[in-house]
């Protein structure tokens, strides 16, 4: 292969590599939430929110869950974790007055996000996108809201909570 063709291929590879890296850059606001346990529990974790256009990527890891179990996971209306039971965070974040339901399937609270599934060690790792929540200004912004991990699975039908049981951990979502 001649030198100029080799350099051309190298340049093309570099452009492709940079294009791939560009998809990991954020084009919008970011936020984080550090979950602390409610009284009598040991559930902890961290969550990262990254907005790009109309999508918000939500990823993180939560520990101290019941192994192999599903746990309700919701954005709540108040960024207040001052009560020992997490009830100071209020109800699900629902600026549109929608019924409780499954994230990504029909009408649902803005705060209805996918449930967590703990592995055999009681750890849930997750990464999903949402078109419901926002990180900037406006009625769907979750910045300053509460984030709650529940003990039980969300049944997606019981109004307005999903019957997900007591609150294991609470966080306030903060802009980063």
N, C-alpha and C. Protein backbone atom coordinates (compact mmCIF):
# COMPACT_ATOMS: atom_id res chain seq x y z
N UNK A 1 0.86 -1.18 0.00
CA UNK A 1 0.00 0.00 0.00
C UNK A 1 0.90 1.23 0.00
N UNK A 2 0.56 2.22 -0.82
CA UNK A 2 1.40 3.41 -0.86
C UNK A 2 1.14 4.31 0.35
N UNK A 3 2.11 5.21 0.58
CA UNK A 3 2.10 6.06 1.77
C UNK A 3 0.87 6.98 1.81
N UNK A 4 0.49 7.57 0.67
CA UNK A 4 -0.64 8.50 0.67
C UNK A 4 -1.96 7.77 0.92
N UNK A 5 -2.09 6.55 0.39
CA UNK A 5 -3.31 5.77 0.64
C UNK A 5 -3.37 5.37 2.12
N UNK A 6 -2.24 5.00 2.69
CA UNK A 6 -2.17 4.62 4.09
C UNK A 6 -2.55 5.80 4.99
N UNK A 7 -2.04 7.00 4.65
CA UNK A 7 -2.39 8.20 5.43
C UNK A 7 -3.88 8.53 5.29
N UNK A 8 -4.42 8.33 4.10
CA UNK A 8 -5.85 8.57 3.88
C UNK A 8 -6.71 7.64 4.73
N UNK A 9 -6.34 6.38 4.80
CA UNK A 9 -7.08 5.43 5.63
C UNK A 9 -6.95 5.78 7.11
N UNK A 10 -5.76 6.19 7.51
CA UNK A 10 -5.54 6.59 8.90
C UNK A 10 -6.40 7.81 9.25
N UNK A 11 -6.46 8.78 8.35
CA UNK A 11 -7.28 9.98 8.57
C UNK A 11 -8.76 9.61 8.67
N UNK A 12 -9.21 8.72 7.78
CA UNK A 12 -10.61 8.29 7.81
C UNK A 12 -10.94 7.59 9.12
N UNK A 13 -10.02 6.74 9.59
CA UNK A 13 -10.23 6.04 10.86
C UNK A 13 -10.30 7.03 12.01
N UNK A 14 -9.46 8.06 11.98
CA UNK A 14 -9.47 9.07 13.03
C UNK A 14 -10.80 9.83 13.05
N UNK A 15 -11.30 10.19 11.87
CA UNK A 15 -12.59 10.89 11.79
C UNK A 15 -13.71 10.03 12.35
N UNK A 16 -13.73 8.75 12.01
CA UNK A 16 -14.75 7.84 12.53
C UNK A 16 -14.64 7.70 14.04
N UNK A 17 -13.43 7.59 14.55
CA UNK A 17 -13.25 7.46 16.00
C UNK A 17 -13.75 8.71 16.72
N UNK A 18 -13.43 9.88 16.19
CA UNK A 18 -13.91 11.11 16.81
C UNK A 18 -15.43 11.23 16.73
N UNK A 19 -16.01 10.81 15.63
CA UNK A 19 -17.47 10.84 15.50
C UNK A 19 -18.11 9.95 16.55
N UNK A 20 -17.51 8.79 16.80
CA UNK A 20 -18.04 7.89 17.83
C UNK A 20 -17.95 8.50 19.20
N UNK A 21 -16.85 9.21 19.48
CA UNK A 21 -16.69 9.86 20.78
C UNK A 21 -17.68 10.99 20.96
N UNK A 22 -18.04 11.65 19.86
CA UNK A 22 -18.97 12.77 19.96
C UNK A 22 -20.32 12.35 20.50
N UNK A 23 -20.72 11.11 20.28
CA UNK A 23 -22.01 10.65 20.77
C UNK A 23 -22.04 10.55 22.29
N UNK A 24 -20.86 10.56 22.92
CA UNK A 24 -20.81 10.46 24.38
C UNK A 24 -20.78 11.83 25.04
N UNK A 25 -20.63 12.89 24.27
CA UNK A 25 -20.64 14.22 24.83
C UNK A 25 -22.08 14.63 25.11
N UNK A 26 -22.24 15.44 26.13
CA UNK A 26 -23.58 15.92 26.43
C UNK A 26 -23.82 17.21 25.67
N UNK A 27 -25.02 17.36 25.19
CA UNK A 27 -25.36 18.60 24.49
C UNK A 27 -26.32 19.42 25.33
N UNK A 28 -26.69 18.92 26.46
CA UNK A 28 -27.63 19.62 27.31
C UNK A 28 -27.26 19.48 28.77
N UNK A 29 -28.18 19.81 29.65
CA UNK A 29 -27.90 19.79 31.08
C UNK A 29 -27.70 18.37 31.63
N UNK A 30 -27.03 18.30 32.77
CA UNK A 30 -26.83 17.03 33.48
C UNK A 30 -27.25 17.22 34.93
N UNK A 31 -27.57 16.11 35.58
CA UNK A 31 -27.94 16.14 36.99
C UNK A 31 -27.51 14.82 37.63
N UNK A 32 -27.42 14.83 38.95
CA UNK A 32 -27.08 13.62 39.70
C UNK A 32 -27.99 13.51 40.92
N UNK A 33 -28.04 12.30 41.45
CA UNK A 33 -28.79 12.05 42.68
C UNK A 33 -28.01 11.00 43.47
N UNK A 34 -27.78 11.27 44.76
CA UNK A 34 -27.10 10.33 45.63
C UNK A 34 -28.11 9.82 46.65
N UNK A 35 -28.48 8.56 46.50
CA UNK A 35 -29.50 7.96 47.37
C UNK A 35 -28.91 7.59 48.73
N UNK A 36 -29.63 7.98 49.78
CA UNK A 36 -29.27 7.60 51.14
C UNK A 36 -30.42 6.80 51.74
N UNK A 37 -30.10 5.87 52.63
CA UNK A 37 -31.16 5.01 53.17
C UNK A 37 -32.13 5.74 54.09
N UNK A 38 -33.36 5.30 54.06
CA UNK A 38 -34.34 5.76 55.04
C UNK A 38 -34.07 4.98 56.33
N UNK A 39 -34.69 5.39 57.41
CA UNK A 39 -34.46 4.78 58.72
C UNK A 39 -34.69 3.27 58.70
N UNK A 40 -33.69 2.51 59.18
CA UNK A 40 -33.80 1.06 59.27
C UNK A 40 -33.42 0.33 57.99
N UNK A 41 -33.01 1.04 56.95
CA UNK A 41 -32.64 0.42 55.68
C UNK A 41 -31.18 0.69 55.37
N UNK A 42 -30.65 -0.03 54.38
CA UNK A 42 -29.25 0.18 54.00
C UNK A 42 -29.08 0.38 52.49
N UNK A 43 -30.13 0.81 51.82
CA UNK A 43 -30.09 1.01 50.37
C UNK A 43 -29.40 2.34 50.06
N UNK A 44 -28.39 2.27 49.18
CA UNK A 44 -27.65 3.45 48.75
C UNK A 44 -27.43 3.39 47.24
N UNK A 45 -27.03 4.49 46.66
CA UNK A 45 -26.71 4.46 45.24
C UNK A 45 -26.51 5.82 44.65
N UNK A 46 -26.17 5.82 43.38
CA UNK A 46 -26.00 7.07 42.66
C UNK A 46 -26.63 6.95 41.28
N UNK A 47 -27.18 8.06 40.83
CA UNK A 47 -27.89 8.10 39.55
C UNK A 47 -27.40 9.34 38.79
N UNK A 48 -27.22 9.17 37.50
CA UNK A 48 -26.80 10.28 36.63
C UNK A 48 -27.85 10.48 35.54
N UNK A 49 -28.16 11.73 35.29
CA UNK A 49 -29.13 12.13 34.26
C UNK A 49 -28.39 13.01 33.25
N UNK A 50 -28.55 12.70 31.97
CA UNK A 50 -27.92 13.49 30.91
C UNK A 50 -28.96 13.75 29.82
N UNK A 51 -29.25 15.03 29.58
CA UNK A 51 -30.22 15.37 28.55
C UNK A 51 -29.53 15.70 27.24
N UNK A 52 -30.08 15.15 26.17
CA UNK A 52 -29.63 15.47 24.82
C UNK A 52 -30.88 15.59 23.96
N UNK A 53 -31.22 16.81 23.60
CA UNK A 53 -32.46 17.04 22.87
C UNK A 53 -33.66 16.68 23.74
N UNK A 54 -34.56 15.85 23.19
CA UNK A 54 -35.76 15.44 23.92
C UNK A 54 -35.56 14.17 24.73
N UNK A 55 -34.35 13.63 24.74
CA UNK A 55 -34.07 12.40 25.49
C UNK A 55 -33.25 12.69 26.73
N UNK A 56 -33.58 12.00 27.82
CA UNK A 56 -32.76 12.05 29.02
C UNK A 56 -32.28 10.63 29.29
N UNK A 57 -30.97 10.45 29.32
CA UNK A 57 -30.34 9.17 29.64
C UNK A 57 -30.23 9.09 31.15
N UNK A 58 -30.72 8.01 31.74
CA UNK A 58 -30.68 7.82 33.19
C UNK A 58 -29.90 6.54 33.45
N UNK A 59 -28.84 6.64 34.24
CA UNK A 59 -28.02 5.47 34.52
C UNK A 59 -27.54 5.51 35.97
N UNK A 60 -27.21 4.34 36.49
CA UNK A 60 -26.71 4.31 37.84
C UNK A 60 -26.61 2.92 38.41
N UNK A 61 -26.31 2.91 39.71
CA UNK A 61 -26.18 1.66 40.45
C UNK A 61 -26.73 1.88 41.85
N UNK A 62 -27.55 0.93 42.29
CA UNK A 62 -28.15 0.99 43.63
C UNK A 62 -27.85 -0.32 44.33
N UNK A 63 -27.41 -0.21 45.59
CA UNK A 63 -27.01 -1.37 46.40
C UNK A 63 -27.90 -1.49 47.63
N UNK A 64 -27.87 -2.68 48.23
CA UNK A 64 -28.63 -2.90 49.46
C UNK A 64 -30.08 -3.25 49.22
N UNK A 65 -30.37 -3.79 48.05
CA UNK A 65 -31.73 -4.20 47.71
C UNK A 65 -31.92 -5.68 48.00
N UNK A 66 -33.17 -6.12 48.06
CA UNK A 66 -33.46 -7.55 48.22
C UNK A 66 -32.97 -8.28 46.96
N UNK A 67 -32.08 -9.25 47.13
CA UNK A 67 -31.52 -9.97 45.97
C UNK A 67 -32.61 -10.60 45.09
N UNK A 68 -32.45 -10.42 43.79
CA UNK A 68 -33.36 -11.02 42.82
C UNK A 68 -34.74 -10.41 42.76
N UNK A 69 -34.96 -9.32 43.47
CA UNK A 69 -36.29 -8.72 43.55
C UNK A 69 -36.41 -7.47 42.68
N UNK A 70 -37.64 -7.14 42.33
CA UNK A 70 -37.94 -5.91 41.60
C UNK A 70 -38.37 -4.86 42.61
N UNK A 71 -37.98 -3.61 42.35
CA UNK A 71 -38.27 -2.51 43.26
C UNK A 71 -38.81 -1.32 42.48
N UNK A 72 -39.89 -0.72 42.98
CA UNK A 72 -40.41 0.49 42.37
C UNK A 72 -39.38 1.61 42.47
N UNK A 73 -39.36 2.48 41.47
CA UNK A 73 -38.37 3.55 41.37
C UNK A 73 -39.09 4.74 40.75
N UNK A 74 -39.17 5.85 41.47
CA UNK A 74 -39.97 6.98 41.00
C UNK A 74 -39.33 8.32 41.33
N UNK A 75 -39.61 9.30 40.49
CA UNK A 75 -39.31 10.68 40.81
C UNK A 75 -40.51 11.19 41.60
N UNK A 76 -40.24 11.82 42.75
CA UNK A 76 -41.31 12.35 43.60
C UNK A 76 -41.32 13.87 43.54
N UNK A 77 -42.45 14.45 43.95
CA UNK A 77 -42.70 15.87 43.73
C UNK A 77 -41.80 16.82 44.51
N UNK A 78 -41.31 16.42 45.67
CA UNK A 78 -40.52 17.34 46.50
C UNK A 78 -39.10 16.83 46.67
N UNK A 79 -38.16 17.74 46.58
CA UNK A 79 -36.76 17.40 46.83
C UNK A 79 -36.48 17.54 48.31
N UNK A 80 -37.12 16.70 49.10
CA UNK A 80 -37.01 16.77 50.56
C UNK A 80 -36.89 15.35 51.12
N UNK A 81 -35.74 15.04 51.65
CA UNK A 81 -35.50 13.71 52.24
C UNK A 81 -35.33 13.82 53.75
N UNK A 82 -35.91 14.86 54.36
CA UNK A 82 -35.69 15.13 55.78
C UNK A 82 -36.39 14.16 56.73
N UNK A 83 -37.47 13.54 56.30
CA UNK A 83 -38.16 12.60 57.20
C UNK A 83 -37.47 11.24 57.15
N UNK A 84 -37.46 10.54 58.22
CA UNK A 84 -36.80 9.24 58.29
C UNK A 84 -37.39 8.20 57.36
N UNK A 85 -38.66 8.36 56.97
CA UNK A 85 -39.32 7.36 56.13
C UNK A 85 -39.39 7.75 54.66
N UNK A 86 -38.86 8.90 54.29
CA UNK A 86 -38.88 9.36 52.91
C UNK A 86 -40.20 9.99 52.48
N UNK A 87 -41.17 10.04 53.37
CA UNK A 87 -42.48 10.59 53.01
C UNK A 87 -42.43 12.10 52.76
N UNK A 88 -41.39 12.78 53.24
CA UNK A 88 -41.27 14.22 53.00
C UNK A 88 -41.07 14.53 51.52
N UNK A 89 -40.76 13.53 50.69
CA UNK A 89 -40.61 13.73 49.24
C UNK A 89 -41.96 13.82 48.54
N UNK A 90 -43.05 13.60 49.26
CA UNK A 90 -44.38 13.72 48.69
C UNK A 90 -44.72 12.58 47.75
N UNK A 91 -45.71 12.79 46.90
CA UNK A 91 -46.16 11.78 45.95
C UNK A 91 -45.35 11.80 44.67
N UNK A 92 -45.74 10.96 43.72
CA UNK A 92 -45.05 10.91 42.44
C UNK A 92 -45.14 12.26 41.73
N UNK A 93 -44.08 12.63 41.06
CA UNK A 93 -44.05 13.87 40.29
C UNK A 93 -45.00 13.71 39.11
N UNK A 94 -46.04 14.56 39.07
CA UNK A 94 -47.13 14.38 38.11
C UNK A 94 -47.68 15.74 37.66
N UNK A 95 -46.88 16.55 36.97
CA UNK A 95 -47.34 17.88 36.59
C UNK A 95 -48.49 17.90 35.60
N UNK A 96 -48.73 16.79 34.89
CA UNK A 96 -49.79 16.74 33.88
C UNK A 96 -51.10 16.15 34.41
N UNK A 97 -51.12 15.70 35.67
CA UNK A 97 -52.34 15.09 36.21
C UNK A 97 -52.70 13.77 35.54
N UNK A 98 -51.70 13.04 35.06
CA UNK A 98 -51.93 11.76 34.37
C UNK A 98 -52.11 10.63 35.38
N UNK A 99 -52.70 9.52 34.98
CA UNK A 99 -52.80 8.37 35.88
C UNK A 99 -51.43 7.71 36.03
N UNK A 100 -51.26 6.99 37.13
CA UNK A 100 -50.03 6.21 37.33
C UNK A 100 -49.98 5.12 36.27
N UNK A 101 -48.80 4.83 35.77
CA UNK A 101 -48.67 3.79 34.76
C UNK A 101 -47.23 3.43 34.49
N UNK A 102 -47.04 2.65 33.47
CA UNK A 102 -45.71 2.15 33.10
C UNK A 102 -44.97 3.16 32.22
N UNK A 103 -43.75 3.44 32.58
CA UNK A 103 -42.89 4.34 31.80
C UNK A 103 -42.81 3.86 30.35
N UNK A 104 -43.04 4.77 29.42
CA UNK A 104 -42.91 4.44 28.00
C UNK A 104 -44.09 3.70 27.41
N UNK A 105 -45.15 3.50 28.17
CA UNK A 105 -46.31 2.76 27.65
C UNK A 105 -47.59 3.51 27.97
N UNK A 106 -47.98 4.40 27.10
CA UNK A 106 -49.21 5.15 27.32
C UNK A 106 -49.03 6.26 28.34
N UNK A 107 -50.14 6.81 28.79
CA UNK A 107 -50.10 7.90 29.77
C UNK A 107 -49.58 7.40 31.09
N UNK A 108 -48.79 8.23 31.74
CA UNK A 108 -48.23 7.90 33.05
C UNK A 108 -47.71 9.18 33.70
N UNK A 109 -47.46 9.11 35.00
CA UNK A 109 -46.85 10.25 35.69
C UNK A 109 -45.49 10.51 35.07
N UNK A 110 -45.08 11.76 35.03
CA UNK A 110 -43.72 12.07 34.59
C UNK A 110 -42.73 11.32 35.49
N UNK A 111 -43.06 11.19 36.76
CA UNK A 111 -42.17 10.51 37.72
C UNK A 111 -42.18 9.00 37.66
N UNK A 112 -43.00 8.40 36.81
CA UNK A 112 -43.01 6.93 36.65
C UNK A 112 -41.85 6.53 35.75
N UNK A 113 -40.79 6.02 36.35
CA UNK A 113 -39.63 5.57 35.59
C UNK A 113 -39.49 4.06 35.78
N UNK A 114 -38.71 3.39 34.95
CA UNK A 114 -38.64 1.92 35.02
C UNK A 114 -38.22 1.40 36.39
N UNK A 115 -38.84 0.30 36.80
CA UNK A 115 -38.50 -0.34 38.07
C UNK A 115 -37.08 -0.89 38.01
N UNK A 116 -36.54 -1.15 39.18
CA UNK A 116 -35.20 -1.70 39.31
C UNK A 116 -35.28 -3.21 39.49
N UNK A 117 -34.32 -3.93 38.97
CA UNK A 117 -34.21 -5.38 39.18
C UNK A 117 -32.86 -5.64 39.83
N UNK A 118 -32.88 -6.09 41.09
CA UNK A 118 -31.64 -6.38 41.81
C UNK A 118 -31.09 -7.74 41.39
N UNK A 119 -29.77 -7.83 41.29
CA UNK A 119 -29.14 -9.12 40.98
C UNK A 119 -29.03 -9.96 42.25
N UNK A 120 -28.34 -11.08 42.18
CA UNK A 120 -28.23 -12.00 43.32
C UNK A 120 -27.49 -11.38 44.50
N UNK A 121 -26.76 -10.30 44.26
CA UNK A 121 -26.03 -9.61 45.33
C UNK A 121 -26.78 -8.38 45.85
N UNK A 122 -28.02 -8.17 45.39
CA UNK A 122 -28.80 -7.02 45.84
C UNK A 122 -28.38 -5.71 45.20
N UNK A 123 -27.78 -5.80 44.01
CA UNK A 123 -27.33 -4.60 43.29
C UNK A 123 -28.13 -4.46 41.99
N UNK A 124 -28.63 -3.27 41.75
CA UNK A 124 -29.33 -2.97 40.49
C UNK A 124 -28.50 -1.97 39.71
N UNK A 125 -28.14 -2.34 38.49
CA UNK A 125 -27.47 -1.43 37.55
C UNK A 125 -28.46 -1.16 36.43
N UNK A 126 -28.56 0.07 36.00
CA UNK A 126 -29.57 0.41 35.00
C UNK A 126 -29.06 1.51 34.08
N UNK A 127 -29.66 1.55 32.92
CA UNK A 127 -29.35 2.55 31.91
C UNK A 127 -30.54 2.59 30.95
N UNK A 128 -31.30 3.66 30.97
CA UNK A 128 -32.47 3.78 30.10
C UNK A 128 -32.62 5.22 29.66
N UNK A 129 -33.45 5.44 28.64
CA UNK A 129 -33.75 6.80 28.20
C UNK A 129 -35.22 7.11 28.47
N UNK A 130 -35.47 8.38 28.67
CA UNK A 130 -36.83 8.85 28.93
C UNK A 130 -37.14 10.05 28.04
N UNK A 131 -38.33 10.05 27.48
CA UNK A 131 -38.82 11.22 26.75
C UNK A 131 -39.77 12.03 27.62
N UNK A 132 -40.02 11.58 28.85
CA UNK A 132 -40.97 12.25 29.74
C UNK A 132 -40.32 13.32 30.60
N UNK A 133 -39.16 13.03 31.13
CA UNK A 133 -38.52 13.95 32.07
C UNK A 133 -37.60 14.92 31.33
N UNK A 134 -37.32 16.04 31.99
CA UNK A 134 -36.41 17.05 31.47
C UNK A 134 -35.49 17.51 32.61
N UNK A 135 -34.37 18.12 32.24
CA UNK A 135 -33.42 18.62 33.23
C UNK A 135 -33.32 20.13 33.24
N UNK A 136 -33.85 20.77 32.23
CA UNK A 136 -33.79 22.23 32.15
C UNK A 136 -34.95 22.86 32.90
N UNK A 137 -35.39 23.98 32.41
CA UNK A 137 -36.55 24.65 32.99
C UNK A 137 -37.82 24.05 32.40
N UNK A 138 -38.93 24.35 33.00
CA UNK A 138 -40.20 23.89 32.48
C UNK A 138 -40.89 22.92 33.41
N UNK A 139 -42.13 22.60 33.09
CA UNK A 139 -42.96 21.80 34.01
C UNK A 139 -42.50 20.36 34.18
N UNK A 140 -41.71 19.81 33.28
CA UNK A 140 -41.29 18.41 33.39
C UNK A 140 -39.88 18.25 33.92
N UNK A 141 -39.27 19.35 34.38
CA UNK A 141 -37.91 19.27 34.92
C UNK A 141 -37.92 18.53 36.25
N UNK A 142 -37.00 17.57 36.38
CA UNK A 142 -36.90 16.79 37.62
C UNK A 142 -35.83 17.35 38.55
N UNK A 143 -35.11 18.36 38.12
CA UNK A 143 -34.09 18.98 38.97
C UNK A 143 -34.77 19.58 40.19
N UNK A 144 -34.26 19.25 41.36
CA UNK A 144 -34.85 19.72 42.62
C UNK A 144 -35.94 18.82 43.15
N UNK A 145 -36.26 17.75 42.44
CA UNK A 145 -37.29 16.79 42.86
C UNK A 145 -36.64 15.65 43.66
N UNK A 146 -37.48 14.83 44.28
CA UNK A 146 -36.99 13.68 45.03
C UNK A 146 -36.92 12.45 44.14
N UNK A 147 -36.04 11.53 44.49
CA UNK A 147 -35.91 10.24 43.82
C UNK A 147 -36.03 9.17 44.89
N UNK A 148 -36.94 8.23 44.70
CA UNK A 148 -37.25 7.24 45.73
C UNK A 148 -37.10 5.82 45.18
N UNK A 149 -36.48 4.95 45.98
CA UNK A 149 -36.45 3.51 45.72
C UNK A 149 -37.41 2.87 46.71
N UNK A 150 -38.32 2.05 46.21
CA UNK A 150 -39.33 1.40 47.05
C UNK A 150 -38.97 -0.06 47.33
N UNK A 151 -39.54 -0.60 48.35
CA UNK A 151 -39.29 -1.99 48.76
C UNK A 151 -39.88 -3.01 47.80
N UNK A 152 -41.06 -2.72 47.25
CA UNK A 152 -41.82 -3.71 46.48
C UNK A 152 -41.85 -3.34 45.00
N UNK A 153 -42.24 -4.30 44.16
CA UNK A 153 -42.40 -3.97 42.73
C UNK A 153 -43.58 -3.05 42.51
N UNK A 154 -43.53 -2.30 41.44
CA UNK A 154 -44.63 -1.43 41.03
C UNK A 154 -45.61 -2.30 40.25
N UNK A 155 -46.91 -2.27 40.63
CA UNK A 155 -47.90 -3.08 39.89
C UNK A 155 -48.45 -2.33 38.67
N UNK A 156 -48.09 -1.06 38.51
CA UNK A 156 -48.46 -0.21 37.38
C UNK A 156 -49.95 0.05 37.23
N UNK A 157 -50.76 -0.41 38.16
CA UNK A 157 -52.20 -0.17 38.06
C UNK A 157 -52.79 0.54 39.27
N UNK A 158 -52.32 0.25 40.47
CA UNK A 158 -52.86 0.88 41.67
C UNK A 158 -52.62 2.39 41.59
N UNK A 159 -53.69 3.16 41.78
CA UNK A 159 -53.62 4.62 41.69
C UNK A 159 -53.54 5.22 43.09
N UNK A 160 -52.72 6.21 43.30
CA UNK A 160 -51.78 6.80 42.35
C UNK A 160 -50.34 6.32 42.56
N UNK A 161 -50.12 5.22 43.28
CA UNK A 161 -48.76 4.88 43.72
C UNK A 161 -48.14 3.65 43.07
N UNK A 162 -48.93 2.76 42.52
CA UNK A 162 -48.38 1.51 41.99
C UNK A 162 -48.15 0.47 43.08
N UNK A 163 -48.60 0.77 44.30
CA UNK A 163 -48.52 -0.16 45.42
C UNK A 163 -47.10 -0.69 45.64
N UNK A 164 -46.11 0.20 45.52
CA UNK A 164 -44.70 -0.20 45.61
C UNK A 164 -44.15 -0.26 47.03
N UNK A 165 -44.98 0.02 48.00
CA UNK A 165 -44.56 -0.17 49.39
C UNK A 165 -43.68 0.93 49.96
N UNK A 166 -43.10 0.64 51.15
CA UNK A 166 -42.28 1.64 51.85
C UNK A 166 -41.08 2.12 51.03
N UNK A 167 -40.57 3.25 51.45
CA UNK A 167 -39.45 3.89 50.76
C UNK A 167 -38.13 3.47 51.41
N UNK A 168 -37.25 2.85 50.62
CA UNK A 168 -35.98 2.34 51.12
C UNK A 168 -34.87 3.38 51.09
N UNK A 169 -34.92 4.29 50.12
CA UNK A 169 -33.87 5.30 49.96
C UNK A 169 -34.45 6.53 49.30
N UNK A 170 -33.81 7.67 49.56
CA UNK A 170 -34.27 8.96 49.04
C UNK A 170 -33.07 9.77 48.59
N UNK A 171 -33.27 10.57 47.55
CA UNK A 171 -32.25 11.50 47.06
C UNK A 171 -32.93 12.75 46.54
N UNK A 172 -32.19 13.83 46.45
CA UNK A 172 -32.64 15.03 45.76
C UNK A 172 -31.85 15.11 44.47
N UNK A 173 -32.54 15.30 43.36
CA UNK A 173 -31.89 15.40 42.05
C UNK A 173 -31.35 16.82 41.92
N UNK A 174 -30.03 16.92 41.72
CA UNK A 174 -29.38 18.22 41.63
C UNK A 174 -28.65 18.38 40.30
N UNK A 175 -28.68 19.60 39.77
CA UNK A 175 -27.97 19.90 38.52
C UNK A 175 -26.47 19.75 38.78
N UNK A 176 -25.79 19.16 37.81
CA UNK A 176 -24.34 18.99 37.97
C UNK A 176 -23.58 19.76 36.92
